[in-house]
Amino acid sequence: MTKEEKIEYWLKTAEHDLNTAKGLFNIEHFDWCLFLSHLVLEKILKPYYVRNNNDIPHKIHDLVRLAEKVNLKLTEEQFRVLERANYFNMSARYPDEKLKFYQICTKDYTELHFNEINNLYLWLKSNLKY
């Protein structure tokens, strides 16, 4: 795969997952909406890695570490969105955290954080130059 094909792969899968997360929100599967939203951010960060390294990104799920590896200049609020999204990944993944996570994922909570993630996704997508 060429560098451009790798970047397009990550962009396409990020967009697909974003649309799926929107669908999950609409059917009130709020915990899974936020879990998948973490993957959206992960997948929109990985084209930056490909652009900078011309290589497949490491299997890394920590959004903060991934952003650091690609030398992104983020605002403090953007950084906090990544930190919160890391929580959504871990809490939905492990059985001992799932119930607690499910209980906090109200419609209002999910809508607030999903909107933040969507805004960061759009910013990252629009700033990707390759």
Protein backbone atom coordinates (compact mmCIF):
# COMPACT_ATOMS: atom_id res chain seq x y z
CA MET A 1 0.00 0.00 0.00
CA THR A 2 1.22 3.50 -0.77
CA LYS A 3 1.40 6.17 1.90
CA GLU A 4 -1.70 7.85 0.45
CA GLU A 5 -3.61 4.54 0.43
CA LYS A 6 -2.73 3.97 4.10
CA ILE A 7 -3.94 7.45 5.00
CA GLU A 8 -7.15 6.99 3.02
CA TYR A 9 -7.75 3.65 4.76
CA TRP A 10 -7.63 5.26 8.20
CA LEU A 11 -9.76 8.21 7.11
CA LYS A 12 -12.40 5.95 5.57
CA THR A 13 -12.61 3.65 8.58
CA ALA A 14 -12.77 6.62 10.98
CA GLU A 15 -15.69 8.07 9.04
CA HIS A 16 -17.43 4.68 8.97
CA ASP A 17 -17.05 4.30 12.73
CA LEU A 18 -18.28 7.86 13.31
CA ASN A 19 -21.45 7.10 11.36
CA THR A 20 -21.89 3.89 13.35
CA ALA A 21 -21.42 5.79 16.64
CA LYS A 22 -24.13 8.24 15.53
CA GLY A 23 -26.43 5.30 14.88
CA LEU A 24 -25.68 3.85 18.30
CA PHE A 25 -26.52 7.20 19.89
CA ASN A 26 -29.81 7.32 17.99
CA ILE A 27 -30.86 3.90 19.29
CA GLU A 28 -29.71 4.87 22.80
CA HIS A 29 -26.77 2.51 23.09
CA PHE A 30 -24.85 5.30 24.77
CA ASP A 31 -22.03 3.24 26.27
CA TRP A 32 -21.19 1.69 22.90
CA CYS A 33 -21.50 5.06 21.19
CA LEU A 34 -18.75 6.44 23.43
CA PHE A 35 -16.65 3.30 23.15
CA LEU A 36 -16.75 3.50 19.37
CA SER A 37 -16.08 7.25 19.53
CA HIS A 38 -12.72 6.43 21.09
CA LEU A 39 -11.96 4.32 18.02
CA VAL A 40 -12.95 7.22 15.77
CA LEU A 41 -10.32 9.42 17.40
CA GLU A 42 -7.76 6.64 17.29
CA LYS A 43 -8.37 6.13 13.59
CA ILE A 44 -8.25 9.85 12.76
CA LEU A 45 -4.92 10.17 14.59
CA LYS A 46 -3.31 7.27 12.76
CA PRO A 47 -3.10 9.06 9.37
CA TYR A 48 -0.89 11.62 11.10
CA TYR A 49 1.40 8.77 12.12
CA VAL A 50 1.47 7.44 8.54
CA ARG A 51 2.15 10.93 7.19
CA ASN A 52 5.03 11.52 9.59
CA ASN A 53 6.58 8.04 9.48
CA ASN A 54 5.41 6.49 6.20
CA ASP A 55 4.70 3.37 8.21
CA ILE A 56 1.77 1.51 9.72
CA PRO A 57 1.00 2.84 13.20
CA HIS A 58 1.91 0.78 16.22
CA LYS A 59 -0.92 -1.05 17.92
CA ILE A 60 -1.55 1.72 20.38
CA HIS A 61 -4.92 2.67 21.82
CA ASP A 62 -3.88 5.41 24.23
CA LEU A 63 -4.98 8.56 22.42
CA VAL A 64 -2.75 10.87 24.43
CA ARG A 65 0.35 8.79 23.66
CA LEU A 66 -0.66 8.54 20.02
CA ALA A 67 -1.07 12.32 19.77
CA GLU A 68 2.34 12.75 21.38
CA LYS A 69 3.94 10.31 18.91
CA VAL A 70 2.67 12.38 15.97
CA ASN A 71 3.69 15.70 17.55
CA LEU A 72 0.25 17.26 17.46
CA LYS A 73 -0.10 20.74 18.89
CA LEU A 74 -3.35 20.46 20.80
CA THR A 75 -5.12 22.94 23.01
CA GLU A 76 -5.60 22.04 26.65
CA GLU A 77 -9.27 21.29 25.98
CA GLN A 78 -8.46 19.04 22.99
CA PHE A 79 -5.98 17.18 25.18
CA ARG A 80 -8.72 16.70 27.82
CA VAL A 81 -11.08 15.29 25.17
CA LEU A 82 -8.45 12.65 24.36
CA GLU A 83 -8.02 11.83 28.05
CA ARG A 84 -11.77 11.42 28.53
CA ALA A 85 -12.07 9.29 25.41
CA ASN A 86 -9.35 6.98 26.79
CA TYR A 87 -11.65 6.37 29.74
CA PHE A 88 -14.47 5.36 27.36
CA ASN A 89 -12.22 2.75 25.77
CA MET A 90 -11.11 1.17 29.03
CA SER A 91 -14.44 1.32 30.84
CA ALA A 92 -16.42 -0.36 28.08
CA ARG A 93 -13.79 -3.03 27.52
CA TYR A 94 -13.35 -4.59 30.95
CA PRO A 95 -16.13 -6.45 32.77
CA ASP A 96 -15.49 -4.96 36.19
CA GLU A 97 -15.89 -1.44 34.77
CA LYS A 98 -18.75 -2.04 32.31
CA LEU A 99 -21.68 -1.71 34.67
CA LYS A 100 -20.36 1.48 36.24
CA PHE A 101 -19.68 2.92 32.78
CA TYR A 102 -23.12 1.89 31.50
CA GLN A 103 -24.75 3.66 34.44
CA ILE A 104 -23.01 7.00 33.81
CA CYS A 105 -23.77 6.96 30.07
CA THR A 106 -27.00 8.90 30.17
CA LYS A 107 -28.25 10.64 27.06
CA ASP A 108 -27.02 14.05 28.28
CA TYR A 109 -23.60 12.72 29.33
CA THR A 110 -23.13 10.89 26.04
CA GLU A 111 -24.36 13.79 23.92
CA LEU A 112 -21.93 16.19 25.60
CA HIS A 113 -18.91 13.95 25.13
CA PHE A 114 -19.90 12.68 21.70
CA ASN A 115 -20.19 16.28 20.48
CA GLU A 116 -16.73 17.07 21.86
CA ILE A 117 -15.29 14.01 20.14
CA ASN A 118 -17.05 14.84 16.87
CA ASN A 119 -15.68 18.40 16.97
CA LEU A 120 -12.15 17.14 17.60
CA TYR A 121 -12.55 14.58 14.81
CA LEU A 122 -13.58 17.33 12.38
CA TRP A 123 -10.66 19.52 13.46
CA LEU A 124 -8.16 16.69 13.09
CA LYS A 125 -9.56 15.72 9.69
CA SER A 126 -9.45 19.30 8.40
CA ASN A 127 -5.87 19.84 9.60
CA LEU A 128 -4.43 16.70 8.07
CA LYS A 129 -2.17 17.74 5.21
CA TYR A 130 -0.38 15.02 3.27
